[in-house]
PDB file of all heavy atoms in Angstrom:
ATOM      1  N   ASP A   1      85.091 152.381 -95.530  1.00  0.00           N
ATOM      2  CA  ASP A   1      86.299 151.689 -95.947  1.00  0.00           C
ATOM      3  C   ASP A   1      86.355 151.732 -97.472  1.00  0.00           C
ATOM      4  O   ASP A   1      85.522 152.383 -98.124  1.00  0.00           O
ATOM      5  CB  ASP A   1      86.344 150.266 -95.382  1.00  0.00           C
ATOM      6  CG  ASP A   1      85.185 149.388 -95.862  1.00  0.00           C
ATOM      7  OD1 ASP A   1      84.446 149.795 -96.788  1.00  0.00           O
ATOM      8  OD2 ASP A   1      85.020 148.286 -95.299  1.00  0.00           O
ATOM      9  N   THR A   2      87.325 151.067 -98.059  1.00  0.00           N
ATOM     10  CA  THR A   2      87.495 151.180 -99.517  1.00  0.00           C
ATOM     11  C   THR A   2      86.287 150.632-100.259  1.00  0.00           C
ATOM     12  O   THR A   2      85.871 151.198-101.282  1.00  0.00           O
ATOM     13  CB  THR A   2      88.754 150.426 -99.963  1.00  0.00           C
ATOM     14  OG1 THR A   2      88.695 149.060 -99.491  1.00  0.00           O
ATOM     15  CG2 THR A   2      90.007 151.086 -99.411  1.00  0.00           C
ATOM     16  N   TYR A   3      85.699 149.551 -99.766  1.00  0.00           N
ATOM     17  CA  TYR A   3      84.554 148.947-100.452  1.00  0.00           C
ATOM     18  C   TYR A   3      83.342 149.866-100.392  1.00  0.00           C
ATOM     19  O   TYR A   3      82.691 150.136-101.408  1.00  0.00           O
ATOM     20  CB  TYR A   3      84.227 147.585 -99.824  1.00  0.00           C
ATOM     21  CG  TYR A   3      83.124 146.838-100.555  1.00  0.00           C
ATOM     22  CD1 TYR A   3      83.426 145.869-101.506  1.00  0.00           C
ATOM     23  CD2 TYR A   3      81.784 147.108-100.298  1.00  0.00           C
ATOM     24  CE1 TYR A   3      82.427 145.181-102.178  1.00  0.00           C
ATOM     25  CE2 TYR A   3      80.770 146.427-100.971  1.00  0.00           C
ATOM     26  CZ  TYR A   3      81.102 145.469-101.911  1.00  0.00           C
ATOM     27  OH  TYR A   3      80.099 144.806-102.580  1.00  0.00           O
ATOM     28  N   MET A   4      83.013 150.332 -99.204  1.00  0.00           N
ATOM     29  CA  MET A   4      81.816 151.147 -99.049  1.00  0.00           C
ATOM     30  C   MET A   4      81.958 152.523 -99.698  1.00  0.00           C
ATOM     31  O   MET A   4      80.973 153.086-100.177  1.00  0.00           O
ATOM     32  CB  MET A   4      81.452 151.287 -97.569  1.00  0.00           C
ATOM     33  CG  MET A   4      80.844 150.025 -96.997  1.00  0.00           C
ATOM     34  SD  MET A   4      79.368 149.504 -97.930  1.00  0.00           S
ATOM     35  CE  MET A   4      78.623 148.372 -96.786  1.00  0.00           C
ATOM     36  N   ARG A   5      83.161 153.036 -99.737  1.00  0.00           N
ATOM     37  CA  ARG A   5      83.359 154.312-100.430  1.00  0.00           C
ATOM     38  C   ARG A   5      83.019 154.163-101.904  1.00  0.00           C
ATOM     39  O   ARG A   5      82.411 155.043-102.518  1.00  0.00           O
ATOM     40  CB  ARG A   5      84.804 154.791-100.260  1.00  0.00           C
ATOM     41  CG  ARG A   5      85.058 156.195-100.798  1.00  0.00           C
ATOM     42  CD  ARG A   5      86.451 156.680-100.430  1.00  0.00           C
ATOM     43  NE  ARG A   5      86.629 156.754 -98.996  1.00  0.00           N
ATOM     44  CZ  ARG A   5      86.191 157.754 -98.237  1.00  0.00           C
ATOM     45  NH1 ARG A   5      85.537 158.761 -98.785  1.00  0.00           N
ATOM     46  NH2 ARG A   5      86.403 157.758 -96.936  1.00  0.00           N
ATOM     47  N   GLU A   6      83.372 153.028-102.485  1.00  0.00           N
ATOM     48  CA  GLU A   6      83.066 152.769-103.889  1.00  0.00           C
ATOM     49  C   GLU A   6      81.560 152.644-104.115  1.00  0.00           C
ATOM     50  O   GLU A   6      81.029 153.070-105.141  1.00  0.00           O
ATOM     51  CB  GLU A   6      83.765 151.494-104.349  1.00  0.00           C
ATOM     52  CG  GLU A   6      83.556 151.144-105.802  1.00  0.00           C
ATOM     53  CD  GLU A   6      84.301 149.883-106.194  1.00  0.00           C
ATOM     54  OE1 GLU A   6      85.458 149.716-105.778  1.00  0.00           O
ATOM     55  OE2 GLU A   6      83.710 149.060-106.921  1.00  0.00           O
ATOM     56  N   LYS A   7      80.846 152.069-103.125  1.00  0.00           N
ATOM     57  CA  LYS A   7      79.397 151.886-103.242  1.00  0.00           C
ATOM     58  C   LYS A   7      78.620 153.158-102.910  1.00  0.00           C
ATOM     59  O   LYS A   7      77.427 153.272-103.233  1.00  0.00           O
ATOM     60  CB  LYS A   7      78.932 150.755-102.323  1.00  0.00           C
ATOM     61  CG  LYS A   7      79.446 149.381-102.737  1.00  0.00           C
ATOM     62  CD  LYS A   7      78.940 148.982-104.129  1.00  0.00           C
ATOM     63  CE  LYS A   7      79.368 147.580-104.497  1.00  0.00           C
ATOM     64  NZ  LYS A   7      78.902 147.186-105.864  1.00  0.00           N
ATOM     65  N   GLY A   8      79.248 154.092-102.240  1.00  0.00           N
ATOM     66  CA  GLY A   8      78.596 155.367-101.955  1.00  0.00           C
ATOM     67  C   GLY A   8      77.702 155.364-100.732  1.00  0.00           C
ATOM     68  O   GLY A   8      76.911 156.290-100.541  1.00  0.00           O
ATOM     69  N   ILE A   9      77.796 154.318 -99.898  1.00  0.00           N
ATOM     70  CA  ILE A   9      77.041 154.301 -98.644  1.00  0.00           C
ATOM     71  C   ILE A   9      77.967 153.839 -97.522  1.00  0.00           C
ATOM     72  O   ILE A   9      78.996 153.207 -97.768  1.00  0.00           O
ATOM     73  CB  ILE A   9      75.793 153.376 -98.695  1.00  0.00           C
ATOM     74  CG1 ILE A   9      76.198 151.909 -98.853  1.00  0.00           C
ATOM     75  CG2 ILE A   9      74.858 153.804 -99.814  1.00  0.00           C
ATOM     76  CD1 ILE A   9      75.051 150.932 -98.697  1.00  0.00           C
ATOM     77  N   ASP A  10      77.597 154.163 -96.279  1.00  0.00           N
ATOM     78  CA  ASP A  10      78.365 153.660 -95.146  1.00  0.00           C
ATOM     79  C   ASP A  10      77.679 152.415 -94.589  1.00  0.00           C
ATOM     80  O   ASP A  10      76.616 152.003 -95.052  1.00  0.00           O
ATOM     81  CB  ASP A  10      78.540 154.740 -94.068  1.00  0.00           C
ATOM     82  CG  ASP A  10      77.217 155.328 -93.583  1.00  0.00           C
ATOM     83  OD1 ASP A  10      76.191 154.598 -93.585  1.00  0.00           O
ATOM     84  OD2 ASP A  10      77.201 156.513 -93.189  1.00  0.00           O
ATOM     85  N   TYR A  11      78.302 151.795 -93.580  1.00  0.00           N
ATOM     86  CA  TYR A  11      77.743 150.559 -93.021  1.00  0.00           C
ATOM     87  C   TYR A  11      76.431 150.801 -92.285  1.00  0.00           C
ATOM     88  O   TYR A  11      75.589 149.897 -92.198  1.00  0.00           O
ATOM     89  CB  TYR A  11      78.762 149.887 -92.097  1.00  0.00           C
ATOM     90  CG  TYR A  11      79.854 149.166 -92.840  1.00  0.00           C
ATOM     91  CD1 TYR A  11      81.124 149.719 -92.985  1.00  0.00           C
ATOM     92  CD2 TYR A  11      79.622 147.913 -93.407  1.00  0.00           C
ATOM     93  CE1 TYR A  11      82.133 149.055 -93.668  1.00  0.00           C
ATOM     94  CE2 TYR A  11      80.622 147.244 -94.100  1.00  0.00           C
ATOM     95  CZ  TYR A  11      81.878 147.822 -94.224  1.00  0.00           C
ATOM     96  OH  TYR A  11      82.871 147.164 -94.919  1.00  0.00           O
ATOM     97  N   PHE A  12      76.248 151.986 -91.745  1.00  0.00           N
ATOM     98  CA  PHE A  12      74.979 152.312 -91.093  1.00  0.00           C
ATOM     99  C   PHE A  12      73.836 152.263 -92.110  1.00  0.00           C
ATOM    100  O   PHE A  12      72.793 151.654 -91.871  1.00  0.00           O
ATOM    101  CB  PHE A  12      75.064 153.696 -90.454  1.00  0.00           C
ATOM    102  CG  PHE A  12      73.866 154.071 -89.631  1.00  0.00           C
ATOM    103  CD1 PHE A  12      73.827 153.827 -88.269  1.00  0.00           C
ATOM    104  CD2 PHE A  12      72.767 154.689 -90.221  1.00  0.00           C
ATOM    105  CE1 PHE A  12      72.725 154.184 -87.508  1.00  0.00           C
ATOM    106  CE2 PHE A  12      71.654 155.037 -89.480  1.00  0.00           C
ATOM    107  CZ  PHE A  12      71.633 154.786 -88.116  1.00  0.00           C
ATOM    108  N   GLU A  13      74.040 152.886 -93.256  1.00  0.00           N
ATOM    109  CA  GLU A  13      73.029 152.852 -94.312  1.00  0.00           C
ATOM    110  C   GLU A  13      72.837 151.433 -94.833  1.00  0.00           C
ATOM    111  O   GLU A  13      71.715 151.029 -95.164  1.00  0.00           O
ATOM    112  CB  GLU A  13      73.431 153.792 -95.451  1.00  0.00           C
ATOM    113  CG  GLU A  13      72.540 153.733 -96.690  1.00  0.00           C
ATOM    114  CD  GLU A  13      71.104 154.180 -96.439  1.00  0.00           C
ATOM    115  OE1 GLU A  13      70.837 154.837 -95.412  1.00  0.00           O
ATOM    116  OE2 GLU A  13      70.236 153.875 -97.287  1.00  0.00           O
ATOM    117  N   ASN A  14      73.924 150.680 -94.892  1.00  0.00           N
ATOM    118  CA  ASN A  14      73.812 149.291 -95.323  1.00  0.00           C
ATOM    119  C   ASN A  14      72.880 148.510 -94.397  1.00  0.00           C
ATOM    120  O   ASN A  14      72.016 147.758 -94.856  1.00  0.00           O
ATOM    121  CB  ASN A  14      75.200 148.643 -95.327  1.00  0.00           C
ATOM    122  CG  ASN A  14      75.240 147.356 -96.136  1.00  0.00           C
ATOM    123  OD1 ASN A  14      75.310 147.378 -97.354  1.00  0.00           O
ATOM    124  ND2 ASN A  14      75.210 146.219 -95.446  1.00  0.00           N
ATOM    125  N   SER A  15      73.025 148.722 -93.086  1.00  0.00           N
ATOM    126  CA  SER A  15      72.164 148.030 -92.128  1.00  0.00           C
ATOM    127  C   SER A  15      70.732 148.548 -92.182  1.00  0.00           C
ATOM    128  O   SER A  15      69.778 147.788 -91.972  1.00  0.00           O
ATOM    129  CB  SER A  15      72.720 148.194 -90.715  1.00  0.00           C
ATOM    130  OG  SER A  15      73.937 147.498 -90.569  1.00  0.00           O
ATOM    131  N   ARG A  16      70.567 149.826 -92.462  1.00  0.00           N
ATOM    132  CA  ARG A  16      69.218 150.380 -92.605  1.00  0.00           C
ATOM    133  C   ARG A  16      68.499 149.706 -93.779  1.00  0.00           C
ATOM    134  O   ARG A  16      67.332 149.308 -93.670  1.00  0.00           O
ATOM    135  CB  ARG A  16      69.276 151.889 -92.821  1.00  0.00           C
ATOM    136  CG  ARG A  16      67.896 152.570 -92.795  1.00  0.00           C
ATOM    137  CD  ARG A  16      68.009 154.047 -93.161  1.00  0.00           C
ATOM    138  NE  ARG A  16      68.249 154.210 -94.582  1.00  0.00           N
ATOM    139  CZ  ARG A  16      67.276 154.246 -95.507  1.00  0.00           C
ATOM    140  NH1 ARG A  16      66.011 154.123 -95.155  1.00  0.00           N
ATOM    141  NH2 ARG A  16      67.576 154.418 -96.783  1.00  0.00           N
ATOM    142  N   ARG A  17      69.197 149.550 -94.885  1.00  0.00           N
ATOM    143  CA  ARG A  17      68.589 148.916 -96.057  1.00  0.00           C
ATOM    144  C   ARG A  17      68.290 147.441 -95.802  1.00  0.00           C
ATOM    145  O   ARG A  17      67.254 146.928 -96.255  1.00  0.00           O
ATOM    146  CB  ARG A  17      69.516 149.068 -97.266  1.00  0.00           C
ATOM    147  CG  ARG A  17      69.688 150.509 -97.715  1.00  0.00           C
ATOM    148  CD  ARG A  17      70.549 150.619 -98.964  1.00  0.00           C
ATOM    149  NE  ARG A  17      70.778 152.012 -99.338  1.00  0.00           N
ATOM    150  CZ  ARG A  17      71.393 152.393-100.456  1.00  0.00           C
ATOM    151  NH1 ARG A  17      71.826 151.478-101.312  1.00  0.00           N
ATOM    152  NH2 ARG A  17      71.572 153.668-100.717  1.00  0.00           N
ATOM    153  N   ALA A  18      69.163 146.764 -95.087  1.00  0.00           N
ATOM    154  CA  ALA A  18      68.921 145.359 -94.749  1.00  0.00           C
ATOM    155  C   ALA A  18      67.674 145.223 -93.887  1.00  0.00           C
ATOM    156  O   ALA A  18      66.877 144.294 -94.057  1.00  0.00           O
ATOM    157  CB  ALA A  18      70.133 144.782 -94.026  1.00  0.00           C
ATOM    158  N   THR A  19      67.487 146.151 -92.961  1.00  0.00           N
ATOM    159  CA  THR A  19      66.304 146.153 -92.101  1.00  0.00           C
ATOM    160  C   THR A  19      65.043 146.387 -92.922  1.00  0.00           C
ATOM    161  O   THR A  19      64.031 145.685 -92.764  1.00  0.00           O
ATOM    162  CB  THR A  19      66.442 147.229 -91.019  1.00  0.00           C
ATOM    163  OG1 THR A  19      67.624 146.969 -90.235  1.00  0.00           O
ATOM    164  CG2 THR A  19      65.226 147.269 -90.123  1.00  0.00           C
ATOM    165  N   MET A  20      65.088 147.362 -93.804  1.00  0.00           N
ATOM    166  CA  MET A  20      63.927 147.669 -94.631  1.00  0.00           C
ATOM    167  C   MET A  20      63.587 146.512 -95.563  1.00  0.00           C
ATOM    168  O   MET A  20      62.410 146.222 -95.812  1.00  0.00           O
ATOM    169  CB  MET A  20      64.192 148.949 -95.427  1.00  0.00           C
ATOM    170  CG  MET A  20      64.388 150.185 -94.553  1.00  0.00           C
ATOM    171  SD  MET A  20      64.809 151.665 -95.506  1.00  0.00           S
ATOM    172  CE  MET A  20      63.234 152.011 -96.305  1.00  0.00           C
ATOM    173  N   ALA A  21      64.618 145.829 -96.060  1.00  0.00           N
ATOM    174  CA  ALA A  21      64.379 144.684 -96.943  1.00  0.00           C
ATOM    175  C   ALA A  21      63.654 143.568 -96.202  1.00  0.00           C
ATOM    176  O   ALA A  21      62.804 142.871 -96.780  1.00  0.00           O
ATOM    177  CB  ALA A  21      65.705 144.176 -97.518  1.00  0.00           C
ATOM    178  N   GLN A  22      63.967 143.394 -94.922  1.00  0.00           N
ATOM    179  CA  GLN A  22      63.272 142.364 -94.147  1.00  0.00           C
ATOM    180  C   GLN A  22      61.789 142.698 -93.979  1.00  0.00           C
ATOM    181  O   GLN A  22      60.933 141.814 -94.063  1.00  0.00           O
ATOM    182  CB  GLN A  22      63.934 142.180 -92.788  1.00  0.00           C
ATOM    183  CG  GLN A  22      65.229 141.410 -92.858  1.00  0.00           C
ATOM    184  CD  GLN A  22      65.295 140.290 -91.845  1.00  0.00           C
ATOM    185  OE1 GLN A  22      64.380 140.048 -91.085  1.00  0.00           O
ATOM    186  NE2 GLN A  22      66.406 139.570 -91.836  1.00  0.00           N
ATOM    187  N   GLN A  23      61.491 143.959 -93.742  1.00  0.00           N
ATOM    188  CA  GLN A  23      60.074 144.312 -93.631  1.00  0.00           C
ATOM    189  C   GLN A  23      59.352 144.077 -94.959  1.00  0.00           C
ATOM    190  O   GLN A  23      58.232 143.550 -94.995  1.00  0.00           O
ATOM    191  CB  GLN A  23      59.909 145.774 -93.196  1.00  0.00           C
ATOM    192  CG  GLN A  23      58.458 146.133 -92.906  1.00  0.00           C
ATOM    193  CD  GLN A  23      58.146 147.603 -93.093  1.00  0.00           C
ATOM    194  OE1 GLN A  23      58.646 148.236 -94.025  1.00  0.00           O
ATOM    195  NE2 GLN A  23      57.310 148.157 -92.220  1.00  0.00           N
ATOM    196  N   ARG A  24      59.994 144.458 -96.056  1.00  0.00           N
ATOM    197  CA  ARG A  24      59.388 144.250 -97.371  1.00  0.00           C
ATOM    198  C   ARG A  24      59.156 142.763 -97.635  1.00  0.00           C
ATOM    199  O   ARG A  24      58.127 142.368 -98.201  1.00  0.00           O
ATOM    200  CB  ARG A  24      60.304 144.834 -98.453  1.00  0.00           C
ATOM    201  CG  ARG A  24      60.338 146.362 -98.467  1.00  0.00           C
ATOM    202  CD  ARG A  24      59.103 146.939 -99.142  1.00  0.00           C
ATOM    203  NE  ARG A  24      59.025 146.526-100.530  1.00  0.00           N
ATOM    204  CZ  ARG A  24      59.640 147.154-101.528  1.00  0.00           C
ATOM    205  NH1 ARG A  24      60.413 148.209-101.284  1.00  0.00           N
ATOM    206  NH2 ARG A  24      59.506 146.734-102.773  1.00  0.00           N
ATOM    207  N   TYR A  25      60.102 141.937 -97.211  1.00  0.00           N
ATOM    208  CA  TYR A  25      59.958 140.493 -97.398  1.00  0.00           C
ATOM    209  C   TYR A  25      58.741 139.980 -96.636  1.00  0.00           C
ATOM    210  O   TYR A  25      57.981 139.149 -97.142  1.00  0.00           O
ATOM    211  CB  TYR A  25      61.218 139.778 -96.912  1.00  0.00           C
ATOM    212  CG  TYR A  25      61.108 138.276 -96.907  1.00  0.00           C
ATOM    213  CD1 TYR A  25      61.355 137.536 -98.062  1.00  0.00           C
ATOM    214  CD2 TYR A  25      60.760 137.590 -95.744  1.00  0.00           C
ATOM    215  CE1 TYR A  25      61.250 136.144 -98.053  1.00  0.00           C
ATOM    216  CE2 TYR A  25      60.646 136.207 -95.731  1.00  0.00           C
ATOM    217  CZ  TYR A  25      60.897 135.490 -96.884  1.00  0.00           C
ATOM    218  OH  TYR A  25      60.787 134.112 -96.879  1.00  0.00           O
ATOM    219  N   ALA A  26      58.532 140.449 -95.410  1.00  0.00           N
ATOM    220  CA  ALA A  26      57.383 140.009 -94.623  1.00  0.00           C
ATOM    221  C   ALA A  26      56.069 140.441 -95.264  1.00  0.00           C
ATOM    222  O   ALA A  26      55.071 139.714 -95.214  1.00  0.00           O
ATOM    223  CB  ALA A  26      57.480 140.557 -93.204  1.00  0.00           C
ATOM    224  N   ILE A  27      56.059 141.612 -95.860  1.00  0.00           N
ATOM    225  CA  ILE A  27      54.863 142.072 -96.571  1.00  0.00           C
ATOM    226  C   ILE A  27      54.591 141.162 -97.772  1.00  0.00           C
ATOM    227  O   ILE A  27      53.455 140.746 -98.011  1.00  0.00           O
ATOM    228  CB  ILE A  27      55.026 143.537 -97.007  1.00  0.00           C
ATOM    229  CG1 ILE A  27      55.096 144.457 -95.782  1.00  0.00           C
ATOM    230  CG2 ILE A  27      53.881 143.960 -97.926  1.00  0.00           C
ATOM    231  CD1 ILE A  27      55.502 145.884 -96.105  1.00  0.00           C
ATOM    232  N   ASP A  28      55.642 140.832 -98.520  1.00  0.00           N
ATOM    233  CA  ASP A  28      55.493 139.928 -99.665  1.00  0.00           C
ATOM    234  C   ASP A  28      55.129 138.508 -99.208  1.00  0.00           C
ATOM    235  O   ASP A  28      54.346 137.827 -99.882  1.00  0.00           O
ATOM    236  CB  ASP A  28      56.792 139.880-100.473  1.00  0.00           C
ATOM    237  CG  ASP A  28      57.104 141.186-101.178  1.00  0.00           C
ATOM    238  OD1 ASP A  28      56.164 141.985-101.379  1.00  0.00           O
ATOM    239  OD2 ASP A  28      58.285 141.420-101.501  1.00  0.00           O
ATOM    240  N   ASN A  29      55.728 138.068 -98.124  1.00  0.00           N
ATOM    241  CA  ASN A  29      55.434 136.775 -97.499  1.00  0.00           C
ATOM    242  C   ASN A  29      55.331 135.649 -98.530  1.00  0.00           C
ATOM    243  O   ASN A  29      54.281 134.989 -98.671  1.00  0.00           O
ATOM    244  CB  ASN A  29      54.133 136.866 -96.689  1.00  0.00           C
ATOM    245  CG  ASN A  29      53.934 135.687 -95.758  1.00  0.00           C
ATOM    246  OD1 ASN A  29      54.839 134.897 -95.535  1.00  0.00           O
ATOM    247  ND2 ASN A  29      52.733 135.560 -95.220  1.00  0.00           N
ATOM    248  N   PRO A  30      56.407 135.367 -99.259  1.00  0.00           N
ATOM    249  CA  PRO A  30      56.321 134.396-100.358  1.00  0.00           C
ATOM    250  C   PRO A  30      56.020 132.970 -99.905  1.00  0.00           C
ATOM    251  O   PRO A  30      55.519 132.172-100.702  1.00  0.00           O
ATOM    252  CB  PRO A  30      57.708 134.484-101.000  1.00  0.00           C
ATOM    253  CG  PRO A  30      58.602 134.969 -99.904  1.00  0.00           C
ATOM    254  CD  PRO A  30      57.767 135.933 -99.121  1.00  0.00           C
ATOM    255  N   MET A  31      56.285 132.643 -98.642  1.00  0.00           N
ATOM    256  CA  MET A  31      56.050 131.279 -98.156  1.00  0.00           C
ATOM    257  C   MET A  31      54.712 131.138 -97.444  1.00  0.00           C
ATOM    258  O   MET A  31      54.347 130.047 -97.008  1.00  0.00           O
ATOM    259  CB  MET A  31      57.195 130.841 -97.240  1.00  0.00           C
ATOM    260  CG  MET A  31      58.553 130.808 -97.935  1.00  0.00           C
ATOM    261  SD  MET A  31      59.897 130.245 -96.870  1.00  0.00           S
ATOM    262  CE  MET A  31      59.459 128.512 -96.682  1.00  0.00           C
ATOM    263  N   GLY A  32      53.987 132.255 -97.333  1.00  0.00           N
ATOM    264  CA  GLY A  32      52.638 132.191 -96.791  1.00  0.00           C
ATOM    265  C   GLY A  32      52.547 131.874 -95.306  1.00  0.00           C
ATOM    266  O   GLY A  32      51.607 131.204 -94.872  1.00  0.00           O
ATOM    267  N   TRP A  33      53.471 132.386 -94.523  1.00  0.00           N
ATOM    268  CA  TRP A  33      53.418 132.147 -93.085  1.00  0.00           C
ATOM    269  C   TRP A  33      52.373 133.036 -92.424  1.00  0.00           C
ATOM    270  O   TRP A  33      52.177 134.179 -92.830  1.00  0.00           O
ATOM    271  CB  TRP A  33      54.774 132.406 -92.440  1.00  0.00           C
ATOM    272  CG  TRP A  33      55.869 131.497 -92.917  1.00  0.00           C
ATOM    273  CD1 TRP A  33      56.955 131.851 -93.662  1.00  0.00           C
ATOM    274  CD2 TRP A  33      55.977 130.080 -92.701  1.00  0.00           C
ATOM    275  NE1 TRP A  33      57.740 130.751 -93.929  1.00  0.00           N
ATOM    276  CE2 TRP A  33      57.155 129.649 -93.342  1.00  0.00           C
ATOM    277  CE3 TRP A  33      55.188 129.144 -92.037  1.00  0.00           C
ATOM    278  CZ2 TRP A  33      57.576 128.320 -93.325  1.00  0.00           C
ATOM    279  CZ3 TRP A  33      55.608 127.821 -92.022  1.00  0.00           C
ATOM    280  CH2 TRP A  33      56.780 127.420 -92.652  1.00  0.00           C
ATOM    281  N   ALA A  34      51.731 132.541 -91.397  1.00  0.00           N
ATOM    282  CA  ALA A  34      50.744 133.331 -90.658  1.00  0.00           C
ATOM    283  C   ALA A  34      51.438 134.459 -89.900  1.00  0.00           C
ATOM    284  O   ALA A  34      52.544 134.295 -89.395  1.00  0.00           O
ATOM    285  CB  ALA A  34      49.984 132.442 -89.670  1.00  0.00           C
ATOM    286  N   GLY A  35      50.780 135.609 -89.847  1.00  0.00           N
ATOM    287  CA  GLY A  35      51.255 136.710 -89.024  1.00  0.00           C
ATOM    288  C   GLY A  35      52.165 137.701 -89.710  1.00  0.00           C
ATOM    289  O   GLY A  35      52.271 138.850 -89.283  1.00  0.00           O
ATOM    290  N   TYR A  36      52.843 137.296 -90.780  1.00  0.00           N
ATOM    291  CA  TYR A  36      53.797 138.194 -91.431  1.00  0.00           C
ATOM    292  C   TYR A  36      53.063 139.393 -92.026  1.00  0.00           C
ATOM    293  O   TYR A  36      52.117 139.243 -92.796  1.00  0.00           O
ATOM    294  CB  TYR A  36      54.536 137.480 -92.552  1.00  0.00           C
ATOM    295  CG  TYR A  36      55.678 136.581 -92.132  1.00  0.00           C
ATOM    296  CD1 TYR A  36      55.713 135.978 -90.886  1.00  0.00           C
ATOM    297  CD2 TYR A  36      56.717 136.309 -93.007  1.00  0.00           C
ATOM    298  CE1 TYR A  36      56.761 135.145 -90.518  1.00  0.00           C
ATOM    299  CE2 TYR A  36      57.777 135.472 -92.669  1.00  0.00           C
ATOM    300  CZ  TYR A  36      57.789 134.894 -91.408  1.00  0.00           C
ATOM    301  OH  TYR A  36      58.819 134.066 -91.064  1.00  0.00           O
ATOM    302  N   ASP A  37      53.509 140.595 -91.686  1.00  0.00           N
ATOM    303  CA  ASP A  37      52.992 141.809 -92.319  1.00  0.00           C
ATOM    304  C   ASP A  37      53.938 142.951 -91.991  1.00  0.00           C
ATOM    305  O   ASP A  37      55.036 142.730 -91.467  1.00  0.00           O
ATOM    306  CB  ASP A  37      51.549 142.112 -91.871  1.00  0.00           C
ATOM    307  CG  ASP A  37      51.405 142.343 -90.371  1.00  0.00           C
ATOM    308  OD1 ASP A  37      52.387 142.763 -89.724  1.00  0.00           O
ATOM    309  OD2 ASP A  37      50.305 142.113 -89.832  1.00  0.00           O
TER     310      ASP A  37
END
């Protein structure tokens, strides 16, 4: 759409990056929860 064309990615790539960011967050585990990796 007009927004994503300006950003240079489609919504599929947007969701891929959101997924990868969640894994990175679990690795960082800033709140120190058990099991996150």
